[in-house]
């Protein structure tokens, strides 16, 4: 089947203490490219990611837990089921405020002009 392909995730890596990430390893066909970057990540209870920014636009689908996204202008409460839109080139990080793992799927892309 060429019109649908399974995507595989790479190894789990430590992004910062308490923060684990997996990136898309491949689509199974080296001739096929993916127009977005996919990352699955999780934060241990009461952990926080490192504040950072990047030129890509990003959407997170929170799959478990709850916490908050901290940006330069506010703190946004989040919980399982929420979708979060992050603008490019803005400093942000995620804090897990619970005694359970907070996990999410991130989809990001570079803007086209």
C-alpha atoms as a PDB file:
ATOM      1  CA  UNK A   1       0.000   0.000   0.000  1.00  0.00           C
ATOM      2  CA  UNK A   2       1.614   3.260  -1.077  1.00  0.00           C
ATOM      3  CA  UNK A   3      -1.134   5.743  -0.225  1.00  0.00           C
ATOM      4  CA  UNK A   4      -0.915   5.000   3.507  1.00  0.00           C
ATOM      5  CA  UNK A   5       2.263   4.232   5.410  1.00  0.00           C
ATOM      6  CA  UNK A   6       3.157   3.521   9.006  1.00  0.00           C
ATOM      7  CA  UNK A   7       5.422   6.059  10.674  1.00  0.00           C
ATOM      8  CA  UNK A   8       8.026   4.820  13.136  1.00  0.00           C
ATOM      9  CA  UNK A   9       9.357   6.689  16.149  1.00  0.00           C
ATOM     10  CA  UNK A  10      13.051   6.867  16.992  1.00  0.00           C
ATOM     11  CA  UNK A  11      14.669   6.100  20.315  1.00  0.00           C
ATOM     12  CA  UNK A  12      13.539   7.864  23.456  1.00  0.00           C
ATOM     13  CA  UNK A  13      15.998  10.625  24.381  1.00  0.00           C
ATOM     14  CA  UNK A  14      16.308  12.815  27.464  1.00  0.00           C
ATOM     15  CA  UNK A  15      15.626  16.436  26.494  1.00  0.00           C
ATOM     16  CA  UNK A  16      16.141  17.814  30.011  1.00  0.00           C
ATOM     17  CA  UNK A  17      15.757  16.253  33.484  1.00  0.00           C
ATOM     18  CA  UNK A  18      12.326  14.645  33.666  1.00  0.00           C
ATOM     19  CA  UNK A  19      11.549  15.351  29.997  1.00  0.00           C
ATOM     20  CA  UNK A  20      11.640  12.502  27.461  1.00  0.00           C
ATOM     21  CA  UNK A  21      11.162  12.897  23.700  1.00  0.00           C
ATOM     22  CA  UNK A  22      10.754  10.679  20.641  1.00  0.00           C
ATOM     23  CA  UNK A  23      11.043  12.034  17.116  1.00  0.00           C
ATOM     24  CA  UNK A  24       9.792  10.503  13.883  1.00  0.00           C
ATOM     25  CA  UNK A  25      12.421   8.116  12.602  1.00  0.00           C
ATOM     26  CA  UNK A  26      10.989   7.482   9.189  1.00  0.00           C
ATOM     27  CA  UNK A  27       8.108   6.792   6.891  1.00  0.00           C
ATOM     28  CA  UNK A  28       9.436   3.489   5.627  1.00  0.00           C
ATOM     29  CA  UNK A  29      10.070   4.864   2.133  1.00  0.00           C
ATOM     30  CA  UNK A  30      13.181   7.042   1.664  1.00  0.00           C
ATOM     31  CA  UNK A  31      11.543   8.725  -1.353  1.00  0.00           C
ATOM     32  CA  UNK A  32       8.662  10.032   0.768  1.00  0.00           C
ATOM     33  CA  UNK A  33       9.133  13.139   2.899  1.00  0.00           C
ATOM     34  CA  UNK A  34       6.924  14.439   5.668  1.00  0.00           C
ATOM     35  CA  UNK A  35       6.047  18.175   5.574  1.00  0.00           C
ATOM     36  CA  UNK A  36       5.887  18.383   9.379  1.00  0.00           C
ATOM     37  CA  UNK A  37       8.025  17.321  12.324  1.00  0.00           C
ATOM     38  CA  UNK A  38       6.373  15.033  14.860  1.00  0.00           C
ATOM     39  CA  UNK A  39       7.593  14.653  18.421  1.00  0.00           C
ATOM     40  CA  UNK A  40       6.016  12.721  21.243  1.00  0.00           C
ATOM     41  CA  UNK A  41       7.121  13.903  24.664  1.00  0.00           C
ATOM     42  CA  UNK A  42       6.377  13.411  28.327  1.00  0.00           C
ATOM     43  CA  UNK A  43       7.228  15.184  31.547  1.00  0.00           C
ATOM     44  CA  UNK A  44       7.670  13.400  34.839  1.00  0.00           C
ATOM     45  CA  UNK A  45       5.510  14.540  37.760  1.00  0.00           C
ATOM     46  CA  UNK A  46       6.339  18.131  38.737  1.00  0.00           C
ATOM     47  CA  UNK A  47       9.045  18.425  36.026  1.00  0.00           C
ATOM     48  CA  UNK A  48       9.469  21.365  33.646  1.00  0.00           C
ATOM     49  CA  UNK A  49      10.962  21.585  30.173  1.00  0.00           C
ATOM     50  CA  UNK A  50      13.773  24.017  29.407  1.00  0.00           C
ATOM     51  CA  UNK A  51      12.596  27.428  28.135  1.00  0.00           C
ATOM     52  CA  UNK A  52      13.386  27.696  24.424  1.00  0.00           C
ATOM     53  CA  UNK A  53      12.242  29.108  21.100  1.00  0.00           C
ATOM     54  CA  UNK A  54      12.454  27.912  17.510  1.00  0.00           C
ATOM     55  CA  UNK A  55      11.478  29.187  14.064  1.00  0.00           C
ATOM     56  CA  UNK A  56       8.790  26.547  13.599  1.00  0.00           C
ATOM     57  CA  UNK A  57       5.089  26.914  14.385  1.00  0.00           C
ATOM     58  CA  UNK A  58       3.933  24.162  16.733  1.00  0.00           C
ATOM     59  CA  UNK A  59       0.717  22.493  17.881  1.00  0.00           C
ATOM     60  CA  UNK A  60       0.625  20.234  20.928  1.00  0.00           C
ATOM     61  CA  UNK A  61      -2.094  17.677  21.596  1.00  0.00           C
ATOM     62  CA  UNK A  62      -2.018  17.009  25.339  1.00  0.00           C
ATOM     63  CA  UNK A  63      -2.651  13.272  25.723  1.00  0.00           C
ATOM     64  CA  UNK A  64      -2.434  12.868  29.517  1.00  0.00           C
ATOM     65  CA  UNK A  65      -1.999  14.857  32.696  1.00  0.00           C
ATOM     66  CA  UNK A  66      -2.238  18.579  33.328  1.00  0.00           C
ATOM     67  CA  UNK A  67       0.034  21.554  33.846  1.00  0.00           C
ATOM     68  CA  UNK A  68       0.745  24.873  32.192  1.00  0.00           C
ATOM     69  CA  UNK A  69       2.483  26.332  29.167  1.00  0.00           C
ATOM     70  CA  UNK A  70       4.582  29.340  30.122  1.00  0.00           C
ATOM     71  CA  UNK A  71       5.244  31.974  27.443  1.00  0.00           C
ATOM     72  CA  UNK A  72       6.722  35.458  27.532  1.00  0.00           C
ATOM     73  CA  UNK A  73       3.281  36.968  28.095  1.00  0.00           C
ATOM     74  CA  UNK A  74       1.268  34.473  30.166  1.00  0.00           C
ATOM     75  CA  UNK A  75       0.765  31.067  31.762  1.00  0.00           C
ATOM     76  CA  UNK A  76      -1.819  28.897  29.999  1.00  0.00           C
ATOM     77  CA  UNK A  77      -3.424  26.052  32.022  1.00  0.00           C
ATOM     78  CA  UNK A  78      -3.605  22.799  30.025  1.00  0.00           C
ATOM     79  CA  UNK A  79      -5.052  19.311  30.527  1.00  0.00           C
ATOM     80  CA  UNK A  80      -5.496  16.051  28.622  1.00  0.00           C
ATOM     81  CA  UNK A  81      -7.499  16.635  25.455  1.00  0.00           C
ATOM     82  CA  UNK A  82      -6.354  20.230  24.931  1.00  0.00           C
ATOM     83  CA  UNK A  83      -4.741  21.528  21.747  1.00  0.00           C
ATOM     84  CA  UNK A  84      -2.101  24.244  22.190  1.00  0.00           C
ATOM     85  CA  UNK A  85      -0.945  26.557  19.378  1.00  0.00           C
ATOM     86  CA  UNK A  86       2.564  28.018  19.759  1.00  0.00           C
ATOM     87  CA  UNK A  87       3.772  30.852  17.560  1.00  0.00           C
ATOM     88  CA  UNK A  88       7.298  30.654  16.096  1.00  0.00           C
ATOM     89  CA  UNK A  89      10.271  32.459  17.646  1.00  0.00           C
ATOM     90  CA  UNK A  90       8.569  32.880  21.046  1.00  0.00           C
ATOM     91  CA  UNK A  91      10.152  31.582  24.253  1.00  0.00           C
ATOM     92  CA  UNK A  92       8.028  28.877  25.891  1.00  0.00           C
ATOM     93  CA  UNK A  93       8.200  25.887  28.189  1.00  0.00           C
ATOM     94  CA  UNK A  94       5.885  23.369  29.805  1.00  0.00           C
ATOM     95  CA  UNK A  95       5.405  22.606  33.500  1.00  0.00           C
ATOM     96  CA  UNK A  96       3.795  19.452  34.866  1.00  0.00           C
ATOM     97  CA  UNK A  97       1.760  20.448  37.930  1.00  0.00           C
ATOM     98  CA  UNK A  98       0.564  16.968  38.873  1.00  0.00           C
ATOM     99  CA  UNK A  99       1.749  13.745  40.439  1.00  0.00           C
ATOM    100  CA  UNK A 100       1.293  11.921  37.122  1.00  0.00           C
ATOM    101  CA  UNK A 101       3.058  11.976  33.760  1.00  0.00           C
ATOM    102  CA  UNK A 102       2.077  14.784  31.399  1.00  0.00           C
ATOM    103  CA  UNK A 103       2.390  13.651  27.783  1.00  0.00           C
ATOM    104  CA  UNK A 104       1.802  15.291  24.423  1.00  0.00           C
ATOM    105  CA  UNK A 105       2.226  14.937  20.691  1.00  0.00           C
ATOM    106  CA  UNK A 106       3.863  17.909  18.967  1.00  0.00           C
ATOM    107  CA  UNK A 107       3.396  18.731  15.291  1.00  0.00           C
ATOM    108  CA  UNK A 108       5.581  21.541  13.956  1.00  0.00           C
ATOM    109  CA  UNK A 109       6.334  23.104  10.582  1.00  0.00           C
ATOM    110  CA  UNK A 110       8.249  25.962   9.057  1.00  0.00           C
ATOM    111  CA  UNK A 111       6.156  28.767   7.617  1.00  0.00           C
ATOM    112  CA  UNK A 112       6.087  29.088   3.853  1.00  0.00           C
ATOM    113  CA  UNK A 113       6.003  32.452   2.139  1.00  0.00           C
END
